[in-house]
């Protein structure tokens, strides 16, 4: 990993959620326990480093993502698939941006397809972990070694 700081990673994550999803980052927050997660997504990566990016969303945040990325027709409620697709899109974009921040712009990675996974506590083996408080809810991102 490059000597990127937690502040650099926080700026990257806040930038992605703000610019892509039009969400409002407020600051660092706690990591979400399994019972505090509505959706969790894994994105495997390999290349300059290998592992899995974990993104977990607190209840209600996936709905805010859908409302901002692909609003449903008036009177329609987003489906579980809509919520999952929005979470996967966020995780995919976050993976590309965060890995460049953590490993340097010259690092090259191949990303796997984002996969919805059951919510789980982030293992102690995570090489990076950060919680983020947003006006719309909480989220966390972590990197698990291969």
Protein backbone atom coordinates (compact mmCIF):
# COMPACT_ATOMS: atom_id res chain seq x y z
CA UNK A 1 0.00 0.00 0.00
CA UNK A 2 1.07 3.57 -0.55
CA UNK A 3 1.35 5.82 2.47
CA UNK A 4 -2.20 7.10 1.99
CA UNK A 5 -3.73 8.29 5.21
CA UNK A 6 -7.12 7.55 6.63
CA UNK A 7 -7.95 11.16 5.76
CA UNK A 8 -7.10 10.49 2.09
CA UNK A 9 -9.33 7.41 2.11
CA UNK A 10 -12.12 9.31 3.84
CA UNK A 11 -11.91 12.08 1.22
CA UNK A 12 -12.08 9.48 -1.55
CA UNK A 13 -15.11 7.72 -0.07
CA UNK A 14 -16.85 11.02 0.69
CA UNK A 15 -16.15 12.18 -2.86
CA UNK A 16 -17.65 9.06 -4.40
CA UNK A 17 -20.80 9.10 -2.27
CA UNK A 18 -21.19 12.83 -2.80
CA UNK A 19 -20.41 13.00 -6.53
CA UNK A 20 -21.91 9.69 -7.68
CA UNK A 21 -24.81 9.25 -5.32
CA UNK A 22 -25.53 12.85 -4.28
CA UNK A 23 -25.40 11.83 -0.61
CA UNK A 24 -24.16 14.11 2.17
CA UNK A 25 -21.09 12.90 4.10
CA UNK A 26 -20.89 14.28 7.64
CA UNK A 27 -17.77 12.55 8.99
CA UNK A 28 -16.21 9.39 10.32
CA UNK A 29 -18.52 7.02 12.15
CA UNK A 30 -18.48 3.59 13.72
CA UNK A 31 -18.11 0.37 11.76
CA UNK A 32 -21.50 -1.26 11.24
CA UNK A 33 -22.13 -4.54 13.01
CA UNK A 34 -24.01 -7.22 11.08
CA UNK A 35 -27.30 -6.32 12.78
CA UNK A 36 -26.90 -2.68 11.73
CA UNK A 37 -26.55 -3.46 8.01
CA UNK A 38 -29.34 -3.59 5.45
CA UNK A 39 -27.14 -4.58 2.50
CA UNK A 40 -23.53 -5.67 2.07
CA UNK A 41 -21.57 -5.98 -1.16
CA UNK A 42 -18.20 -7.57 -1.90
CA UNK A 43 -15.97 -6.61 -4.83
CA UNK A 44 -12.98 -8.93 -5.30
CA UNK A 45 -9.85 -7.42 -6.81
CA UNK A 46 -6.46 -8.61 -7.97
CA UNK A 47 -3.42 -7.04 -9.54
CA UNK A 48 -1.01 -4.82 -7.64
CA UNK A 49 -2.71 -6.23 -4.54
CA UNK A 50 -5.44 -8.81 -4.07
CA UNK A 51 -8.38 -8.94 -1.73
CA UNK A 52 -12.01 -7.99 -1.36
CA UNK A 53 -13.61 -4.61 -0.81
CA UNK A 54 -16.57 -4.81 1.55
CA UNK A 55 -19.22 -2.07 1.49
CA UNK A 56 -22.09 -2.23 3.97
CA UNK A 57 -25.07 0.11 4.13
CA UNK A 58 -27.25 0.94 7.11
CA UNK A 59 -31.04 0.64 6.75
CA UNK A 60 -32.47 3.29 4.46
CA UNK A 61 -29.23 4.19 2.70
CA UNK A 62 -29.85 1.89 -0.26
CA UNK A 63 -33.24 3.57 -0.76
CA UNK A 64 -31.54 6.98 -0.76
CA UNK A 65 -29.10 5.65 -3.37
CA UNK A 66 -31.95 4.47 -5.60
CA UNK A 67 -33.79 7.75 -5.17
CA UNK A 68 -30.69 9.65 -6.28
CA UNK A 69 -29.32 7.32 -8.97
CA UNK A 70 -32.48 6.02 -10.67
CA UNK A 71 -35.61 7.42 -9.05
CA UNK A 72 -38.64 5.15 -9.31
CA UNK A 73 -41.79 6.31 -11.05
CA UNK A 74 -44.09 8.35 -8.80
CA UNK A 75 -46.09 6.05 -6.55
CA UNK A 76 -43.73 3.11 -7.10
CA UNK A 77 -41.54 1.57 -4.45
CA UNK A 78 -38.06 0.35 -5.40
CA UNK A 79 -37.73 -3.42 -5.50
CA UNK A 80 -35.13 -5.40 -3.57
CA UNK A 81 -33.31 -5.79 -6.89
CA UNK A 82 -33.27 -1.99 -7.37
CA UNK A 83 -31.74 -1.57 -3.89
CA UNK A 84 -29.14 -4.27 -4.56
CA UNK A 85 -28.22 -2.81 -7.95
CA UNK A 86 -27.66 0.66 -6.44
CA UNK A 87 -25.50 -0.79 -3.65
CA UNK A 88 -23.47 -2.78 -6.20
CA UNK A 89 -22.91 0.29 -8.36
CA UNK A 90 -21.69 2.29 -5.38
CA UNK A 91 -19.35 -0.54 -4.32
CA UNK A 92 -17.94 -0.92 -7.84
CA UNK A 93 -17.13 2.78 -8.23
CA UNK A 94 -15.83 2.96 -4.68
CA UNK A 95 -13.52 -0.01 -5.31
CA UNK A 96 -11.80 1.65 -8.27
CA UNK A 97 -11.38 4.96 -6.52
CA UNK A 98 -10.38 3.68 -3.09
CA UNK A 99 -7.83 1.19 -4.41
CA UNK A 100 -6.13 3.98 -6.38
CA UNK A 101 -6.01 6.10 -3.22
CA UNK A 102 -4.63 3.31 -1.05
CA UNK A 103 -2.15 1.85 -3.56
CA UNK A 104 -1.28 4.79 -5.79
CA UNK A 105 -2.50 5.91 -9.18
CA UNK A 106 0.01 3.68 -10.99
CA UNK A 107 -1.34 0.49 -9.40
CA UNK A 108 -3.41 -1.71 -11.70
CA UNK A 109 -6.35 -3.83 -10.64
CA UNK A 110 -8.90 -6.14 -12.14
CA UNK A 111 -12.22 -5.88 -10.33
CA UNK A 112 -14.66 -8.73 -10.03
CA UNK A 113 -18.38 -8.20 -10.36
CA UNK A 114 -19.96 -6.74 -7.24
CA UNK A 115 -21.80 -9.44 -5.28
CA UNK A 116 -24.53 -9.02 -2.70
CA UNK A 117 -23.54 -10.94 0.45
CA UNK A 118 -25.22 -11.49 3.81
CA UNK A 119 -24.46 -8.72 6.32
CA UNK A 120 -21.57 -9.65 8.60
CA UNK A 121 -19.23 -8.09 11.11
CA UNK A 122 -15.97 -6.97 9.48
CA UNK A 123 -13.30 -9.57 10.38
CA UNK A 124 -10.30 -8.50 12.44
CA UNK A 125 -8.15 -9.46 9.44
CA UNK A 126 -9.33 -6.37 7.52
CA UNK A 127 -6.36 -4.34 6.32
CA UNK A 128 -8.48 -1.19 6.08
CA UNK A 129 -11.80 -0.22 7.63
CA UNK A 130 -13.72 3.01 7.99
CA UNK A 131 -17.25 3.97 8.95
CA UNK A 132 -18.92 7.00 7.45
CA UNK A 133 -21.86 8.99 8.75
CA UNK A 134 -24.06 10.48 6.04
CA UNK A 135 -27.08 12.71 6.42
CA UNK A 136 -29.04 9.83 4.85
CA UNK A 137 -27.61 7.04 7.07
CA UNK A 138 -24.40 5.18 7.78
CA UNK A 139 -22.06 2.99 5.79
CA UNK A 140 -18.71 1.32 6.10
CA UNK A 141 -15.99 0.17 3.77
CA UNK A 142 -13.29 -2.34 4.49
CA UNK A 143 -10.65 -4.34 2.67
CA UNK A 144 -10.10 -8.01 3.38
CA UNK A 145 -6.84 -9.66 2.30
CA UNK A 146 -6.94 -12.44 -0.28
